[in-house]
C-alpha atoms as a PDB file:
ATOM      1  CA  MET A   1       9.259  59.206 -57.720  1.00  0.00           C
ATOM      2  CA  SER A   2       5.488  59.156 -58.041  1.00  0.00           C
ATOM      3  CA  THR A   3       3.916  57.400 -61.017  1.00  0.00           C
ATOM      4  CA  LYS A   4       0.739  59.484 -60.698  1.00  0.00           C
ATOM      5  CA  GLN A   5       0.661  62.569 -62.917  1.00  0.00           C
ATOM      6  CA  LEU A   6       1.190  65.625 -60.722  1.00  0.00           C
ATOM      7  CA  PHE A   7       1.895  68.368 -63.248  1.00  0.00           C
ATOM      8  CA  TYR A   8      -0.296  69.289 -66.203  1.00  0.00           C
ATOM      9  CA  SER A   9       0.000  71.803 -69.024  1.00  0.00           C
ATOM     10  CA  THR A  10      -2.191  73.542 -71.563  1.00  0.00           C
ATOM     11  CA  ASN A  11      -2.039  70.302 -73.563  1.00  0.00           C
ATOM     12  CA  GLU A  12      -4.551  68.898 -71.070  1.00  0.00           C
ATOM     13  CA  PHE A  13      -6.323  72.245 -70.525  1.00  0.00           C
ATOM     14  CA  PRO A  14      -6.209  73.967 -73.952  1.00  0.00           C
ATOM     15  CA  HIS A  15      -8.764  76.624 -72.984  1.00  0.00           C
ATOM     16  CA  LEU A  16      -5.957  78.247 -70.925  1.00  0.00           C
ATOM     17  CA  LYS A  17      -3.446  78.430 -73.805  1.00  0.00           C
ATOM     18  CA  SER A  18      -4.263  82.118 -74.339  1.00  0.00           C
ATOM     19  CA  LEU A  19      -2.696  82.845 -70.934  1.00  0.00           C
ATOM     20  CA  GLU A  20       0.615  81.520 -72.250  1.00  0.00           C
ATOM     21  CA  ASP A  21       0.105  83.277 -75.576  1.00  0.00           C
ATOM     22  CA  ASN A  22      -0.395  86.595 -73.750  1.00  0.00           C
ATOM     23  CA  TRP A  23       2.063  86.165 -70.876  1.00  0.00           C
ATOM     24  CA  SER A  24       4.096  89.270 -71.831  1.00  0.00           C
ATOM     25  CA  THR A  25       0.944  91.434 -71.837  1.00  0.00           C
ATOM     26  CA  ILE A  26       0.019  90.060 -68.410  1.00  0.00           C
ATOM     27  CA  ALA A  27       3.585  90.660 -67.193  1.00  0.00           C
ATOM     28  CA  SER A  28       3.416  94.281 -68.382  1.00  0.00           C
ATOM     29  CA  GLU A  29       0.523  94.844 -65.951  1.00  0.00           C
ATOM     30  CA  ILE A  30       2.230  93.505 -62.819  1.00  0.00           C
ATOM     31  CA  PRO A  31       1.491  96.254 -60.271  1.00  0.00           C
ATOM     32  CA  TYR A  32       4.441  98.131 -58.820  1.00  0.00           C
ATOM     33  CA  PHE A  33       5.870  96.453 -55.726  1.00  0.00           C
ATOM     34  CA  ASP A  34       8.021  98.378 -53.215  1.00  0.00           C
ATOM     35  CA  PRO A  35      10.244  95.902 -51.314  1.00  0.00           C
ATOM     36  CA  ASN A  36      10.828  98.509 -48.592  1.00  0.00           C
ATOM     37  CA  ARG A  37       7.145  99.073 -47.833  1.00  0.00           C
ATOM     38  CA  THR A  38       5.178  97.286 -45.136  1.00  0.00           C
ATOM     39  CA  TYR A  39       2.083  95.793 -46.752  1.00  0.00           C
ATOM     40  CA  PRO A  40      -1.074  94.672 -44.954  1.00  0.00           C
ATOM     41  CA  ARG A  41      -1.075  90.992 -44.080  1.00  0.00           C
ATOM     42  CA  ARG A  42      -3.661  88.566 -45.424  1.00  0.00           C
ATOM     43  CA  THR A  43      -4.921  85.818 -43.165  1.00  0.00           C
ATOM     44  CA  ASN A  44      -5.539  82.238 -44.198  1.00  0.00           C
ATOM     45  CA  ASN A  45      -8.882  82.216 -42.396  1.00  0.00           C
ATOM     46  CA  TRP A  46     -11.501  81.974 -45.128  1.00  0.00           C
ATOM     47  CA  PRO A  47     -15.082  82.088 -43.877  1.00  0.00           C
ATOM     48  CA  THR A  48     -16.587  78.628 -43.547  1.00  0.00           C
ATOM     49  CA  GLY A  49     -20.124  77.363 -43.793  1.00  0.00           C
ATOM     50  CA  SER A  50     -22.911  78.642 -45.975  1.00  0.00           C
ATOM     51  CA  ASN A  51     -23.172  82.218 -44.669  1.00  0.00           C
ATOM     52  CA  LYS A  52     -23.124  84.053 -48.008  1.00  0.00           C
ATOM     53  CA  SER A  53     -23.113  87.564 -46.495  1.00  0.00           C
ATOM     54  CA  GLU A  54     -20.110  86.702 -44.279  1.00  0.00           C
ATOM     55  CA  PHE A  55     -18.198  85.581 -47.364  1.00  0.00           C
ATOM     56  CA  GLU A  56     -19.237  88.636 -49.398  1.00  0.00           C
ATOM     57  CA  ASN A  57     -18.134  90.934 -46.554  1.00  0.00           C
ATOM     58  CA  TYR A  58     -14.793  89.134 -46.434  1.00  0.00           C
ATOM     59  CA  LEU A  59     -14.295  89.590 -50.179  1.00  0.00           C
ATOM     60  CA  ALA A  60     -15.319  93.253 -49.966  1.00  0.00           C
ATOM     61  CA  SER A  61     -12.364  93.781 -47.646  1.00  0.00           C
ATOM     62  CA  PHE A  62      -9.951  92.773 -50.452  1.00  0.00           C
ATOM     63  CA  LYS A  63      -8.365  95.812 -52.064  1.00  0.00           C
ATOM     64  CA  SER A  64      -6.425  96.235 -55.294  1.00  0.00           C
ATOM     65  CA  GLU A  65      -3.058  96.335 -53.574  1.00  0.00           C
ATOM     66  CA  TRP A  66      -0.256  94.015 -52.639  1.00  0.00           C
ATOM     67  CA  CYS A  67      -0.701  92.255 -49.317  1.00  0.00           C
ATOM     68  CA  GLU A  68       1.645  90.021 -47.429  1.00  0.00           C
ATOM     69  CA  GLY A  69       0.728  86.358 -47.652  1.00  0.00           C
ATOM     70  CA  TRP A  70      -0.470  84.393 -44.650  1.00  0.00           C
ATOM     71  CA  GLN A  71       2.947  82.881 -43.870  1.00  0.00           C
ATOM     72  CA  GLY A  72       4.027  86.334 -42.664  1.00  0.00           C
ATOM     73  CA  ASN A  73       7.794  86.214 -43.190  1.00  0.00           C
ATOM     74  CA  HIS A  74       8.093  89.131 -45.656  1.00  0.00           C
ATOM     75  CA  GLU A  75       8.867  86.735 -48.517  1.00  0.00           C
ATOM     76  CA  TRP A  76       5.488  86.094 -50.169  1.00  0.00           C
ATOM     77  CA  PHE A  77       2.947  88.677 -51.368  1.00  0.00           C
ATOM     78  CA  ASN A  78      -0.369  88.588 -53.264  1.00  0.00           C
ATOM     79  CA  PHE A  79      -2.272  91.044 -55.442  1.00  0.00           C
ATOM     80  CA  PRO A  80      -5.907  89.866 -55.918  1.00  0.00           C
ATOM     81  CA  LEU A  81      -7.543  90.219 -59.349  1.00  0.00           C
ATOM     82  CA  ILE A  82     -10.612  87.983 -59.786  1.00  0.00           C
ATOM     83  CA  TYR A  83     -13.034  86.047 -57.632  1.00  0.00           C
ATOM     84  CA  ASN A  84     -15.666  83.875 -59.357  1.00  0.00           C
ATOM     85  CA  ASP A  85     -15.045  85.638 -62.677  1.00  0.00           C
ATOM     86  CA  THR A  86     -15.618  89.076 -61.087  1.00  0.00           C
ATOM     87  CA  PRO A  87     -12.807  91.647 -60.724  1.00  0.00           C
ATOM     88  CA  ILE A  88     -11.899  92.470 -57.123  1.00  0.00           C
ATOM     89  CA  ASP A  89     -12.031  96.173 -56.196  1.00  0.00           C
ATOM     90  CA  LYS A  90     -10.259  98.177 -58.962  1.00  0.00           C
ATOM     91  CA  ALA A  91      -8.402  95.262 -60.573  1.00  0.00           C
ATOM     92  CA  ASP A  92     -10.061  95.877 -63.948  1.00  0.00           C
ATOM     93  CA  VAL A  93      -8.809  99.502 -63.897  1.00  0.00           C
ATOM     94  CA  ILE A  94      -5.265  98.680 -62.735  1.00  0.00           C
ATOM     95  CA  CYS A  95      -4.847  95.584 -64.958  1.00  0.00           C
ATOM     96  CA  PRO A  96      -7.402  96.088 -67.774  1.00  0.00           C
ATOM     97  CA  LYS A  97      -5.876  93.765 -70.395  1.00  0.00           C
ATOM     98  CA  THR A  98      -5.295  90.955 -67.911  1.00  0.00           C
ATOM     99  CA  THR A  99      -8.784  91.099 -66.409  1.00  0.00           C
ATOM    100  CA  GLU A 100     -10.379  91.300 -69.874  1.00  0.00           C
ATOM    101  CA  LEU A 101      -8.434  88.216 -70.988  1.00  0.00           C
ATOM    102  CA  LEU A 102      -9.515  86.352 -67.851  1.00  0.00           C
ATOM    103  CA  LYS A 103     -13.156  87.351 -68.374  1.00  0.00           C
ATOM    104  CA  CYS A 104     -12.996  86.083 -71.977  1.00  0.00           C
ATOM    105  CA  ILE A 105     -11.728  82.677 -70.814  1.00  0.00           C
ATOM    106  CA  GLY A 106     -14.047  82.467 -67.786  1.00  0.00           C
ATOM    107  CA  GLY A 107     -14.450  79.729 -65.223  1.00  0.00           C
ATOM    108  CA  PHE A 108     -12.023  81.157 -62.646  1.00  0.00           C
ATOM    109  CA  THR A 109     -12.667  80.869 -58.928  1.00  0.00           C
ATOM    110  CA  ILE A 110      -9.721  83.061 -57.881  1.00  0.00           C
ATOM    111  CA  VAL A 111      -6.883  84.758 -59.769  1.00  0.00           C
ATOM    112  CA  GLY A 112      -4.125  87.110 -58.716  1.00  0.00           C
ATOM    113  CA  PHE A 113      -0.456  87.948 -58.896  1.00  0.00           C
ATOM    114  CA  SER A 114       1.879  86.298 -56.417  1.00  0.00           C
ATOM    115  CA  LEU A 115       5.386  87.545 -55.671  1.00  0.00           C
ATOM    116  CA  LEU A 116       8.091  85.504 -53.988  1.00  0.00           C
ATOM    117  CA  ALA A 117      11.082  87.544 -52.811  1.00  0.00           C
ATOM    118  CA  PRO A 118      14.641  86.745 -53.913  1.00  0.00           C
ATOM    119  CA  HIS A 119      15.851  83.583 -52.170  1.00  0.00           C
ATOM    120  CA  GLY A 120      12.339  83.188 -50.721  1.00  0.00           C
ATOM    121  CA  ARG A 121      10.222  80.134 -50.146  1.00  0.00           C
ATOM    122  CA  LEU A 122       6.487  79.564 -49.942  1.00  0.00           C
ATOM    123  CA  VAL A 123       5.978  76.959 -47.222  1.00  0.00           C
ATOM    124  CA  ALA A 124       4.362  73.589 -47.872  1.00  0.00           C
ATOM    125  CA  HIS A 125       0.580  73.750 -47.676  1.00  0.00           C
ATOM    126  CA  THR A 126      -2.662  72.537 -49.235  1.00  0.00           C
ATOM    127  CA  ASP A 127      -5.604  74.551 -50.534  1.00  0.00           C
ATOM    128  CA  ALA A 128      -9.316  73.810 -50.442  1.00  0.00           C
ATOM    129  CA  THR A 129      -9.385  73.691 -54.224  1.00  0.00           C
ATOM    130  CA  GLY A 130      -8.507  70.719 -56.375  1.00  0.00           C
ATOM    131  CA  GLN A 131      -9.844  67.857 -58.449  1.00  0.00           C
ATOM    132  CA  LYS A 132     -12.212  66.608 -55.756  1.00  0.00           C
ATOM    133  CA  PHE A 133     -13.770  70.101 -55.829  1.00  0.00           C
ATOM    134  CA  ASN A 134     -13.745  70.130 -59.675  1.00  0.00           C
ATOM    135  CA  THR A 135     -11.000  72.783 -59.769  1.00  0.00           C
ATOM    136  CA  MET A 136      -7.286  72.936 -60.529  1.00  0.00           C
ATOM    137  CA  ALA A 137      -4.524  75.462 -59.828  1.00  0.00           C
ATOM    138  CA  GLY A 138      -2.400  77.091 -62.509  1.00  0.00           C
ATOM    139  CA  ASN A 139       0.831  79.061 -62.079  1.00  0.00           C
ATOM    140  CA  LEU A 140       2.064  81.193 -64.995  1.00  0.00           C
ATOM    141  CA  LEU A 141       5.636  82.444 -64.471  1.00  0.00           C
ATOM    142  CA  LEU A 142       5.848  86.073 -65.614  1.00  0.00           C
ATOM    143  CA  THR A 143       9.389  87.033 -64.604  1.00  0.00           C
ATOM    144  CA  GLU A 144      12.720  85.834 -65.900  1.00  0.00           C
ATOM    145  CA  ASN A 145      13.891  83.466 -63.178  1.00  0.00           C
ATOM    146  CA  THR A 146      16.385  80.712 -63.896  1.00  0.00           C
ATOM    147  CA  ASP A 147      16.032  78.896 -60.576  1.00  0.00           C
ATOM    148  CA  ALA A 148      12.409  78.983 -59.436  1.00  0.00           C
ATOM    149  CA  SER A 149      10.435  75.812 -58.864  1.00  0.00           C
ATOM    150  CA  VAL A 150       7.024  74.528 -57.880  1.00  0.00           C
ATOM    151  CA  TYR A 151       6.866  71.299 -55.860  1.00  0.00           C
ATOM    152  CA  VAL A 152       3.895  68.957 -55.558  1.00  0.00           C
ATOM    153  CA  LEU A 153       4.269  66.041 -53.124  1.00  0.00           C
ATOM    154  CA  ASP A 154       8.012  66.873 -53.106  1.00  0.00           C
ATOM    155  CA  ASN A 155       8.258  66.428 -56.903  1.00  0.00           C
ATOM    156  CA  GLN A 156       9.992  69.398 -58.527  1.00  0.00           C
ATOM    157  CA  HIS A 157       8.833  71.293 -61.595  1.00  0.00           C
ATOM    158  CA  LEU A 158      11.388  73.903 -62.727  1.00  0.00           C
ATOM    159  CA  HIS A 159       9.256  76.854 -63.744  1.00  0.00           C
ATOM    160  CA  THR A 160      10.027  78.647 -67.018  1.00  0.00           C
ATOM    161  CA  GLN A 161       8.892  82.107 -68.063  1.00  0.00           C
ATOM    162  CA  GLY A 162       5.656  82.186 -70.034  1.00  0.00           C
ATOM    163  CA  ASN A 163       4.682  78.595 -69.262  1.00  0.00           C
ATOM    164  CA  LEU A 164       1.639  77.579 -67.248  1.00  0.00           C
ATOM    165  CA  VAL A 165       2.040  74.657 -64.844  1.00  0.00           C
ATOM    166  CA  ILE A 166      -1.213  73.132 -63.568  1.00  0.00           C
ATOM    167  CA  PHE A 167      -1.664  70.929 -60.507  1.00  0.00           C
ATOM    168  CA  ASP A 168      -4.132  69.731 -57.892  1.00  0.00           C
ATOM    169  CA  ALA A 169      -3.789  72.130 -54.951  1.00  0.00           C
ATOM    170  CA  THR A 170      -5.232  69.622 -52.474  1.00  0.00           C
ATOM    171  CA  HIS A 171      -1.818  67.916 -52.699  1.00  0.00           C
ATOM    172  CA  VAL A 172       0.902  69.349 -50.467  1.00  0.00           C
ATOM    173  CA  HIS A 173       2.735  71.928 -52.559  1.00  0.00           C
ATOM    174  CA  TYR A 174       5.269  74.716 -52.144  1.00  0.00           C
ATOM    175  CA  ALA A 175       7.533  76.955 -54.207  1.00  0.00           C
ATOM    176  CA  ASP A 176      10.969  78.479 -54.042  1.00  0.00           C
ATOM    177  CA  ASN A 177      12.871  81.290 -55.686  1.00  0.00           C
ATOM    178  CA  ASN A 178      16.622  80.783 -55.603  1.00  0.00           C
ATOM    179  CA  ASP A 179      17.236  83.800 -57.851  1.00  0.00           C
ATOM    180  CA  SER A 180      18.463  87.231 -56.801  1.00  0.00           C
ATOM    181  CA  LYS A 181      15.345  88.937 -58.192  1.00  0.00           C
ATOM    182  CA  PRO A 182      11.646  88.546 -57.340  1.00  0.00           C
ATOM    183  CA  ARG A 183       9.593  85.753 -58.890  1.00  0.00           C
ATOM    184  CA  VAL A 184       6.088  86.815 -59.970  1.00  0.00           C
ATOM    185  CA  ILE A 185       3.396  84.454 -61.180  1.00  0.00           C
ATOM    186  CA  LEU A 186      -0.206  84.754 -62.193  1.00  0.00           C
ATOM    187  CA  TYR A 187      -1.951  82.173 -60.028  1.00  0.00           C
ATOM    188  CA  ALA A 188      -5.358  80.939 -61.072  1.00  0.00           C
ATOM    189  CA  ASP A 189      -7.757  78.432 -59.575  1.00  0.00           C
ATOM    190  CA  PHE A 190     -10.175  77.406 -62.294  1.00  0.00           C
ATOM    191  CA  LYS A 191     -13.151  75.126 -62.730  1.00  0.00           C
ATOM    192  CA  ILE A 192     -12.354  71.970 -64.672  1.00  0.00           C
ATOM    193  CA  PRO A 193     -14.302  72.160 -67.961  1.00  0.00           C
ATOM    194  CA  MET A 194     -16.922  69.459 -68.324  1.00  0.00           C
END
């Protein structure tokens, strides 16, 4: 068991408490997901370097729709909402209360819904966001799942509905959903307040 703190809450990041306070409103705006539909697949190939137009073109390709996550096993799906405090595509029309709440808080690099299928697993990975980049990741569980966890460096955090768990995404992390119904979270990478 690690002695280093791996999981944080709104006690350490109180500016995000309104996400927990409004979790049911956010949950009411989860876009419809059809488990029988084939959704476009998102790659994990973010543009690199300082080519701003390349990155803007990449972001312009994001649409307000579910897409299959980069692991490509029909278990994990994303619905993009915000990038650098700006709604993606029609996110502010589809999820007006959620995007307004996020704009009021501010400081978000990327936010969206993430769905993990029943008995699904998000594979272990790291993200290019974390404390060394002055950002943290937050996962707000929106669905009623009794056996859904987030793991950071193989340490388990049993996720509970309406609670935000915060962690450094540069650490190896993964998630599972051992329930018979989908697990949906609001994921948010945010800038650490000074």
